[in-house]
């Protein structure tokens, strides 16, 4: 997986991803992070990439030429039809399904905005997908880009130790993940559920599924609308609601 990030702050991207699992994936060359500094394509002695907006308004807008030229500098390095993802609060909300789909790509280009945004003409020219990580505003697209890269990369084969590491995570099947426990057996008077020490794998898996159903109902009941409950799961939830 090769990432090409068009950004005004390449050091921010590089330092933010130089940790933990993503760092190991980079060192093993499972993923490659290529930061392209938009400012290098400013074509003026002051390296200025922004200007006042036509029609007035607060803030500055990134000019189209440096963005377009930074894109052209890597266009020949990627396969034809490579997605160009623009990080913007106006984009489609990012979710686990999108991460799974994007993890199958060989190359991804990510465009990070700043200031009041980017000239609309270059967005229309190069961007294939606009993506948002939430209904809030940040100072730039670098943090969202790192969120995207982290979420996608951990689904790339061999980045995590075992495929099972993400198979049962929250959102992988529209259910939230069950609670997890480790040593000590007793913490502040609270014990690890006895079922987890039983060695009965079938009953443990049943317990985990039931806990996922309960958690999803309590915290994100909207997700249950997307989940195809079995008759057994539906009965369990109904019985749980009667008793609670």
C-alpha atoms as a PDB file:
ATOM      1  CA  UNK A   1       0.000   0.000   0.000  1.00  0.00           C
ATOM      2  CA  UNK A   2       1.457   3.330  -1.103  1.00  0.00           C
ATOM      3  CA  UNK A   3       0.159   6.599   0.297  1.00  0.00           C
ATOM      4  CA  UNK A   4       0.895   9.920  -1.388  1.00  0.00           C
ATOM      5  CA  UNK A   5      -0.100  12.834   0.825  1.00  0.00           C
ATOM      6  CA  UNK A   6      -0.315  16.317  -0.675  1.00  0.00           C
ATOM      7  CA  UNK A   7       0.197  18.621   2.285  1.00  0.00           C
ATOM      8  CA  UNK A   8       1.654  21.922   3.506  1.00  0.00           C
ATOM      9  CA  UNK A   9       2.957  20.169   6.623  1.00  0.00           C
ATOM     10  CA  UNK A  10       4.801  16.957   5.695  1.00  0.00           C
ATOM     11  CA  UNK A  11       6.685  16.864   9.012  1.00  0.00           C
ATOM     12  CA  UNK A  12       3.383  16.697  10.863  1.00  0.00           C
ATOM     13  CA  UNK A  13       2.355  13.628   8.855  1.00  0.00           C
ATOM     14  CA  UNK A  14       5.718  11.899   9.158  1.00  0.00           C
ATOM     15  CA  UNK A  15       6.055  12.439  12.899  1.00  0.00           C
ATOM     16  CA  UNK A  16       2.420  11.528  13.590  1.00  0.00           C
ATOM     17  CA  UNK A  17       2.716   8.165  11.845  1.00  0.00           C
ATOM     18  CA  UNK A  18       6.156   7.280  13.189  1.00  0.00           C
ATOM     19  CA  UNK A  19       4.829   5.263  16.118  1.00  0.00           C
ATOM     20  CA  UNK A  20       3.493   1.860  17.124  1.00  0.00           C
ATOM     21  CA  UNK A  21       1.990  -0.530  14.562  1.00  0.00           C
ATOM     22  CA  UNK A  22       2.087   1.923  11.658  1.00  0.00           C
ATOM     23  CA  UNK A  23       5.792   2.599  12.255  1.00  0.00           C
ATOM     24  CA  UNK A  24       6.503  -1.148  12.169  1.00  0.00           C
ATOM     25  CA  UNK A  25       4.507  -1.512   8.943  1.00  0.00           C
ATOM     26  CA  UNK A  26       6.568   1.278   7.379  1.00  0.00           C
ATOM     27  CA  UNK A  27       9.837  -0.295   8.530  1.00  0.00           C
ATOM     28  CA  UNK A  28       8.764  -3.641   7.054  1.00  0.00           C
ATOM     29  CA  UNK A  29       7.798  -1.832   3.831  1.00  0.00           C
ATOM     30  CA  UNK A  30       4.258  -3.174   4.008  1.00  0.00           C
ATOM     31  CA  UNK A  31       3.072   0.406   3.612  1.00  0.00           C
ATOM     32  CA  UNK A  32       4.892   3.440   2.220  1.00  0.00           C
ATOM     33  CA  UNK A  33       4.266   7.045   3.251  1.00  0.00           C
ATOM     34  CA  UNK A  34       5.188   9.642   0.642  1.00  0.00           C
ATOM     35  CA  UNK A  35       4.609  13.263   1.633  1.00  0.00           C
ATOM     36  CA  UNK A  36       4.582  15.835  -1.149  1.00  0.00           C
ATOM     37  CA  UNK A  37       4.985  19.403   0.069  1.00  0.00           C
ATOM     38  CA  UNK A  38       2.537  21.580  -1.844  1.00  0.00           C
ATOM     39  CA  UNK A  39       4.690  24.610  -0.996  1.00  0.00           C
ATOM     40  CA  UNK A  40       7.508  23.194  -3.157  1.00  0.00           C
ATOM     41  CA  UNK A  41       5.308  23.906  -6.177  1.00  0.00           C
ATOM     42  CA  UNK A  42       4.458  27.515  -5.338  1.00  0.00           C
ATOM     43  CA  UNK A  43       6.581  28.960  -8.187  1.00  0.00           C
ATOM     44  CA  UNK A  44       7.323  32.178  -6.297  1.00  0.00           C
ATOM     45  CA  UNK A  45      10.302  33.262  -4.210  1.00  0.00           C
ATOM     46  CA  UNK A  46       8.263  33.537  -1.009  1.00  0.00           C
ATOM     47  CA  UNK A  47       6.785  30.015  -1.395  1.00  0.00           C
ATOM     48  CA  UNK A  48       3.317  31.511  -1.024  1.00  0.00           C
ATOM     49  CA  UNK A  49       0.512  29.076  -1.831  1.00  0.00           C
ATOM     50  CA  UNK A  50      -2.553  31.032  -0.684  1.00  0.00           C
ATOM     51  CA  UNK A  51      -4.362  34.191  -1.722  1.00  0.00           C
ATOM     52  CA  UNK A  52      -7.451  36.232  -0.911  1.00  0.00           C
ATOM     53  CA  UNK A  53     -10.808  34.792  -1.930  1.00  0.00           C
ATOM     54  CA  UNK A  54     -12.715  36.289  -4.837  1.00  0.00           C
ATOM     55  CA  UNK A  55     -15.928  37.797  -3.528  1.00  0.00           C
ATOM     56  CA  UNK A  56     -14.400  38.573  -0.153  1.00  0.00           C
ATOM     57  CA  UNK A  57     -14.714  36.720   3.118  1.00  0.00           C
ATOM     58  CA  UNK A  58     -12.456  35.855   6.015  1.00  0.00           C
ATOM     59  CA  UNK A  59      -9.300  33.803   5.586  1.00  0.00           C
ATOM     60  CA  UNK A  60      -7.139  32.749   2.677  1.00  0.00           C
ATOM     61  CA  UNK A  61      -7.646  30.098   0.007  1.00  0.00           C
ATOM     62  CA  UNK A  62      -4.999  27.701  -1.333  1.00  0.00           C
ATOM     63  CA  UNK A  63      -4.279  28.477  -4.970  1.00  0.00           C
ATOM     64  CA  UNK A  64      -4.977  25.819  -7.612  1.00  0.00           C
ATOM     65  CA  UNK A  65      -1.567  25.757  -9.377  1.00  0.00           C
ATOM     66  CA  UNK A  66       0.629  24.429  -6.546  1.00  0.00           C
ATOM     67  CA  UNK A  67      -1.938  21.756  -5.679  1.00  0.00           C
ATOM     68  CA  UNK A  68      -2.283  20.680  -9.293  1.00  0.00           C
ATOM     69  CA  UNK A  69       1.476  20.654  -9.903  1.00  0.00           C
ATOM     70  CA  UNK A  70       2.117  18.639  -6.737  1.00  0.00           C
ATOM     71  CA  UNK A  71      -0.433  16.137  -8.005  1.00  0.00           C
ATOM     72  CA  UNK A  72       1.225  15.983 -11.436  1.00  0.00           C
ATOM     73  CA  UNK A  73       4.570  15.256  -9.768  1.00  0.00           C
ATOM     74  CA  UNK A  74       3.307  11.864  -8.598  1.00  0.00           C
ATOM     75  CA  UNK A  75       0.630  11.112 -11.189  1.00  0.00           C
ATOM     76  CA  UNK A  76       2.967   8.906 -13.227  1.00  0.00           C
ATOM     77  CA  UNK A  77       4.041   6.940 -10.128  1.00  0.00           C
ATOM     78  CA  UNK A  78       0.569   5.563  -9.479  1.00  0.00           C
ATOM     79  CA  UNK A  79      -1.667   3.376 -11.566  1.00  0.00           C
ATOM     80  CA  UNK A  80      -4.325   4.954 -13.742  1.00  0.00           C
ATOM     81  CA  UNK A  81      -7.575   5.532 -11.877  1.00  0.00           C
ATOM     82  CA  UNK A  82      -5.944   5.888  -8.443  1.00  0.00           C
ATOM     83  CA  UNK A  83      -8.313   7.525  -5.989  1.00  0.00           C
ATOM     84  CA  UNK A  84      -7.595  11.074  -4.836  1.00  0.00           C
ATOM     85  CA  UNK A  85      -9.148  11.579  -1.404  1.00  0.00           C
ATOM     86  CA  UNK A  86      -9.782  15.146  -0.262  1.00  0.00           C
ATOM     87  CA  UNK A  87     -10.145  15.541   3.497  1.00  0.00           C
ATOM     88  CA  UNK A  88     -13.006  17.972   4.071  1.00  0.00           C
ATOM     89  CA  UNK A  89     -15.918  18.342   6.538  1.00  0.00           C
ATOM     90  CA  UNK A  90     -18.155  18.506   3.461  1.00  0.00           C
ATOM     91  CA  UNK A  91     -17.188  14.971   2.471  1.00  0.00           C
ATOM     92  CA  UNK A  92     -18.839  11.606   2.933  1.00  0.00           C
ATOM     93  CA  UNK A  93     -18.585  10.436   6.577  1.00  0.00           C
ATOM     94  CA  UNK A  94     -15.754   7.947   6.964  1.00  0.00           C
ATOM     95  CA  UNK A  95     -16.628   4.526   8.394  1.00  0.00           C
ATOM     96  CA  UNK A  96     -15.232   1.019   8.783  1.00  0.00           C
ATOM     97  CA  UNK A  97     -16.710  -0.206   5.487  1.00  0.00           C
ATOM     98  CA  UNK A  98     -14.888   2.568   3.627  1.00  0.00           C
ATOM     99  CA  UNK A  99     -11.663   1.640   5.428  1.00  0.00           C
ATOM    100  CA  UNK A 100     -12.090  -1.990   4.352  1.00  0.00           C
ATOM    101  CA  UNK A 101     -12.718  -1.000   0.723  1.00  0.00           C
ATOM    102  CA  UNK A 102      -9.784   1.423   0.597  1.00  0.00           C
ATOM    103  CA  UNK A 103      -7.429  -1.136   2.171  1.00  0.00           C
ATOM    104  CA  UNK A 104      -7.709  -3.138  -1.057  1.00  0.00           C
ATOM    105  CA  UNK A 105      -6.197  -0.310  -3.118  1.00  0.00           C
ATOM    106  CA  UNK A 106      -2.523  -0.416  -4.143  1.00  0.00           C
ATOM    107  CA  UNK A 107      -2.092   3.369  -4.170  1.00  0.00           C
ATOM    108  CA  UNK A 108      -3.980   6.224  -2.544  1.00  0.00           C
ATOM    109  CA  UNK A 109      -3.494   9.963  -2.936  1.00  0.00           C
ATOM    110  CA  UNK A 110      -4.693  12.095  -0.021  1.00  0.00           C
ATOM    111  CA  UNK A 111      -5.128  15.854  -0.347  1.00  0.00           C
ATOM    112  CA  UNK A 112      -4.961  17.957   2.827  1.00  0.00           C
ATOM    113  CA  UNK A 113      -6.558  21.380   2.818  1.00  0.00           C
ATOM    114  CA  UNK A 114      -5.754  24.338   5.041  1.00  0.00           C
ATOM    115  CA  UNK A 115      -6.816  27.925   5.701  1.00  0.00           C
ATOM    116  CA  UNK A 116     -10.321  28.451   4.263  1.00  0.00           C
ATOM    117  CA  UNK A 117      -9.932  25.588   1.817  1.00  0.00           C
ATOM    118  CA  UNK A 118      -8.679  24.966  -1.707  1.00  0.00           C
ATOM    119  CA  UNK A 119      -9.652  26.629  -4.979  1.00  0.00           C
ATOM    120  CA  UNK A 120     -12.697  24.697  -6.196  1.00  0.00           C
ATOM    121  CA  UNK A 121     -11.357  24.310  -9.734  1.00  0.00           C
ATOM    122  CA  UNK A 122      -8.477  22.034  -8.770  1.00  0.00           C
ATOM    123  CA  UNK A 123     -10.770  19.980  -6.540  1.00  0.00           C
ATOM    124  CA  UNK A 124     -13.016  19.420  -9.548  1.00  0.00           C
ATOM    125  CA  UNK A 125      -9.951  18.578 -11.647  1.00  0.00           C
ATOM    126  CA  UNK A 126      -8.242  15.917  -9.524  1.00  0.00           C
ATOM    127  CA  UNK A 127     -10.373  14.763  -6.576  1.00  0.00           C
ATOM    128  CA  UNK A 128     -12.325  11.505  -6.868  1.00  0.00           C
ATOM    129  CA  UNK A 129     -13.682  11.263  -3.302  1.00  0.00           C
ATOM    130  CA  UNK A 130     -14.346  13.819  -0.565  1.00  0.00           C
ATOM    131  CA  UNK A 131     -14.111  12.329   2.929  1.00  0.00           C
ATOM    132  CA  UNK A 132     -14.973  13.682   6.377  1.00  0.00           C
ATOM    133  CA  UNK A 133     -14.030  12.233   9.764  1.00  0.00           C
ATOM    134  CA  UNK A 134     -16.842  14.108  11.524  1.00  0.00           C
ATOM    135  CA  UNK A 135     -19.073  17.150  11.702  1.00  0.00           C
ATOM    136  CA  UNK A 136     -16.482  19.519  13.136  1.00  0.00           C
ATOM    137  CA  UNK A 137     -13.788  21.854  11.831  1.00  0.00           C
ATOM    138  CA  UNK A 138     -10.019  21.428  12.189  1.00  0.00           C
ATOM    139  CA  UNK A 139      -7.202  23.758  11.169  1.00  0.00           C
ATOM    140  CA  UNK A 140      -6.184  21.466   8.327  1.00  0.00           C
ATOM    141  CA  UNK A 141      -6.513  18.064   6.697  1.00  0.00           C
ATOM    142  CA  UNK A 142      -3.384  16.530   8.184  1.00  0.00           C
ATOM    143  CA  UNK A 143      -4.998  15.038  11.292  1.00  0.00           C
ATOM    144  CA  UNK A 144      -7.902  13.557   9.279  1.00  0.00           C
ATOM    145  CA  UNK A 145      -5.377  12.152   6.789  1.00  0.00           C
ATOM    146  CA  UNK A 146      -3.516  10.418   9.611  1.00  0.00           C
ATOM    147  CA  UNK A 147      -6.783   9.020  10.973  1.00  0.00           C
ATOM    148  CA  UNK A 148      -7.562   7.670   7.506  1.00  0.00           C
ATOM    149  CA  UNK A 149      -4.116   6.127   7.052  1.00  0.00           C
ATOM    150  CA  UNK A 150      -4.165   4.496  10.492  1.00  0.00           C
ATOM    151  CA  UNK A 151      -7.649   3.046  10.004  1.00  0.00           C
ATOM    152  CA  UNK A 152      -6.928   1.730   6.502  1.00  0.00           C
ATOM    153  CA  UNK A 153      -3.405   0.440   7.119  1.00  0.00           C
ATOM    154  CA  UNK A 154      -4.310  -1.851   9.998  1.00  0.00           C
ATOM    155  CA  UNK A 155      -6.555  -3.744   7.560  1.00  0.00           C
ATOM    156  CA  UNK A 156      -3.751  -4.274   5.046  1.00  0.00           C
ATOM    157  CA  UNK A 157      -2.507  -7.895   5.185  1.00  0.00           C
ATOM    158  CA  UNK A 158       0.414  -8.482   7.581  1.00  0.00           C
ATOM    159  CA  UNK A 159       0.171  -5.086   9.290  1.00  0.00           C
ATOM    160  CA  UNK A 160      -1.500  -6.613  12.351  1.00  0.00           C
ATOM    161  CA  UNK A 161      -0.174  -9.827  13.820  1.00  0.00           C
ATOM    162  CA  UNK A 162      -3.276 -11.878  13.125  1.00  0.00           C
ATOM    163  CA  UNK A 163      -6.303 -11.343  10.930  1.00  0.00           C
ATOM    164  CA  UNK A 164      -8.404 -12.196  13.998  1.00  0.00           C
ATOM    165  CA  UNK A 165      -7.148  -8.950  15.547  1.00  0.00           C
ATOM    166  CA  UNK A 166      -9.720  -6.973  13.601  1.00  0.00           C
ATOM    167  CA  UNK A 167     -12.373  -9.529  12.628  1.00  0.00           C
ATOM    168  CA  UNK A 168     -14.477  -8.968  15.752  1.00  0.00           C
ATOM    169  CA  UNK A 169     -13.788  -5.291  16.357  1.00  0.00           C
ATOM    170  CA  UNK A 170     -16.483  -2.690  16.743  1.00  0.00           C
ATOM    171  CA  UNK A 171     -18.213  -1.847  13.432  1.00  0.00           C
ATOM    172  CA  UNK A 172     -16.709  -4.861  11.626  1.00  0.00           C
ATOM    173  CA  UNK A 173     -20.177  -6.463  11.570  1.00  0.00           C
ATOM    174  CA  UNK A 174     -22.327  -3.500  12.725  1.00  0.00           C
ATOM    175  CA  UNK A 175     -22.005  -4.550  16.358  1.00  0.00           C
ATOM    176  CA  UNK A 176     -19.812  -2.955  19.023  1.00  0.00           C
ATOM    177  CA  UNK A 177     -17.052  -5.117  20.430  1.00  0.00           C
ATOM    178  CA  UNK A 178     -17.607  -7.096  23.624  1.00  0.00           C
ATOM    179  CA  UNK A 179     -15.787  -6.053  26.847  1.00  0.00           C
ATOM    180  CA  UNK A 180     -12.198  -7.267  27.261  1.00  0.00           C
ATOM    181  CA  UNK A 181     -10.352  -8.312  30.421  1.00  0.00           C
ATOM    182  CA  UNK A 182      -6.816  -9.197  31.485  1.00  0.00           C
ATOM    183  CA  UNK A 183      -4.900  -9.755  34.743  1.00  0.00           C
ATOM    184  CA  UNK A 184      -5.368  -9.278  37.650  1.00  0.00           C
ATOM    185  CA  UNK A 185      -8.428 -11.469  38.123  1.00  0.00           C
ATOM    186  CA  UNK A 186      -9.745  -9.051  40.765  1.00  0.00           C
ATOM    187  CA  UNK A 187      -9.400  -5.266  40.368  1.00  0.00           C
ATOM    188  CA  UNK A 188     -10.944  -2.868  42.883  1.00  0.00           C
ATOM    189  CA  UNK A 189     -13.248  -5.665  43.995  1.00  0.00           C
ATOM    190  CA  UNK A 190     -14.407  -6.442  40.447  1.00  0.00           C
ATOM    191  CA  UNK A 191     -13.784  -9.932  39.068  1.00  0.00           C
ATOM    192  CA  UNK A 192     -13.263 -11.097  35.512  1.00  0.00           C
ATOM    193  CA  UNK A 193     -16.455 -12.896  34.346  1.00  0.00           C
ATOM    194  CA  UNK A 194     -16.121 -16.574  35.271  1.00  0.00           C
ATOM    195  CA  UNK A 195     -17.204 -17.718  31.810  1.00  0.00           C
ATOM    196  CA  UNK A 196     -13.924 -16.401  30.343  1.00  0.00           C
ATOM    197  CA  UNK A 197     -11.964 -18.818  32.545  1.00  0.00           C
ATOM    198  CA  UNK A 198     -14.141 -21.831  31.761  1.00  0.00           C
ATOM    199  CA  UNK A 199     -12.190 -23.063  28.742  1.00  0.00           C
ATOM    200  CA  UNK A 200     -15.505 -23.718  26.976  1.00  0.00           C
ATOM    201  CA  UNK A 201     -14.847 -21.890  23.725  1.00  0.00           C
ATOM    202  CA  UNK A 202     -18.373 -22.294  22.409  1.00  0.00           C
ATOM    203  CA  UNK A 203     -19.909 -20.742  25.522  1.00  0.00           C
ATOM    204  CA  UNK A 204     -17.253 -17.993  25.553  1.00  0.00           C
ATOM    205  CA  UNK A 205     -18.069 -17.041  21.961  1.00  0.00           C
ATOM    206  CA  UNK A 206     -21.766 -17.029  22.822  1.00  0.00           C
ATOM    207  CA  UNK A 207     -21.078 -14.752  25.809  1.00  0.00           C
ATOM    208  CA  UNK A 208     -19.020 -12.374  23.644  1.00  0.00           C
ATOM    209  CA  UNK A 209     -21.785 -12.190  21.066  1.00  0.00           C
ATOM    210  CA  UNK A 210     -24.399 -11.523  23.723  1.00  0.00           C
ATOM    211  CA  UNK A 211     -22.250  -8.788  25.290  1.00  0.00           C
ATOM    212  CA  UNK A 212     -21.796  -7.197  21.871  1.00  0.00           C
ATOM    213  CA  UNK A 213     -25.564  -7.150  21.404  1.00  0.00           C
ATOM    214  CA  UNK A 214     -26.082  -5.563  24.836  1.00  0.00           C
ATOM    215  CA  UNK A 215     -23.379  -2.943  24.276  1.00  0.00           C
ATOM    216  CA  UNK A 216     -24.688  -2.052  20.854  1.00  0.00           C
ATOM    217  CA  UNK A 217     -28.228  -1.684  22.196  1.00  0.00           C
ATOM    218  CA  UNK A 218     -27.081   0.522  25.077  1.00  0.00           C
ATOM    219  CA  UNK A 219     -24.554   2.692  23.240  1.00  0.00           C
ATOM    220  CA  UNK A 220     -25.432   2.642  19.525  1.00  0.00           C
ATOM    221  CA  UNK A 221     -28.898   1.188  19.046  1.00  0.00           C
ATOM    222  CA  UNK A 222     -28.953   2.719  15.548  1.00  0.00           C
ATOM    223  CA  UNK A 223     -26.427   0.087  14.452  1.00  0.00           C
ATOM    224  CA  UNK A 224     -28.874  -2.724  15.174  1.00  0.00           C
ATOM    225  CA  UNK A 225     -30.997  -1.476  12.274  1.00  0.00           C
ATOM    226  CA  UNK A 226     -28.140  -2.479   9.945  1.00  0.00           C
ATOM    227  CA  UNK A 227     -27.483  -5.788  11.669  1.00  0.00           C
ATOM    228  CA  UNK A 228     -29.371  -8.909  10.603  1.00  0.00           C
ATOM    229  CA  UNK A 229     -30.378 -10.432  13.951  1.00  0.00           C
ATOM    230  CA  UNK A 230     -30.797 -14.191  14.082  1.00  0.00           C
ATOM    231  CA  UNK A 231     -33.865 -15.562  15.827  1.00  0.00           C
ATOM    232  CA  UNK A 232     -31.663 -16.655  18.735  1.00  0.00           C
ATOM    233  CA  UNK A 233     -30.132 -13.172  19.055  1.00  0.00           C
ATOM    234  CA  UNK A 234     -33.527 -11.507  18.814  1.00  0.00           C
ATOM    235  CA  UNK A 235     -34.880 -13.735  21.603  1.00  0.00           C
ATOM    236  CA  UNK A 236     -31.828 -12.998  23.759  1.00  0.00           C
ATOM    237  CA  UNK A 237     -32.285  -9.235  23.359  1.00  0.00           C
ATOM    238  CA  UNK A 238     -36.021  -9.429  24.075  1.00  0.00           C
ATOM    239  CA  UNK A 239     -35.374 -11.491  27.228  1.00  0.00           C
ATOM    240  CA  UNK A 240     -32.638  -9.078  28.291  1.00  0.00           C
ATOM    241  CA  UNK A 241     -34.948  -6.071  27.865  1.00  0.00           C
ATOM    242  CA  UNK A 242     -37.702  -7.782  29.897  1.00  0.00           C
ATOM    243  CA  UNK A 243     -35.299  -8.439  32.760  1.00  0.00           C
ATOM    244  CA  UNK A 244     -33.595  -5.044  32.743  1.00  0.00           C
END
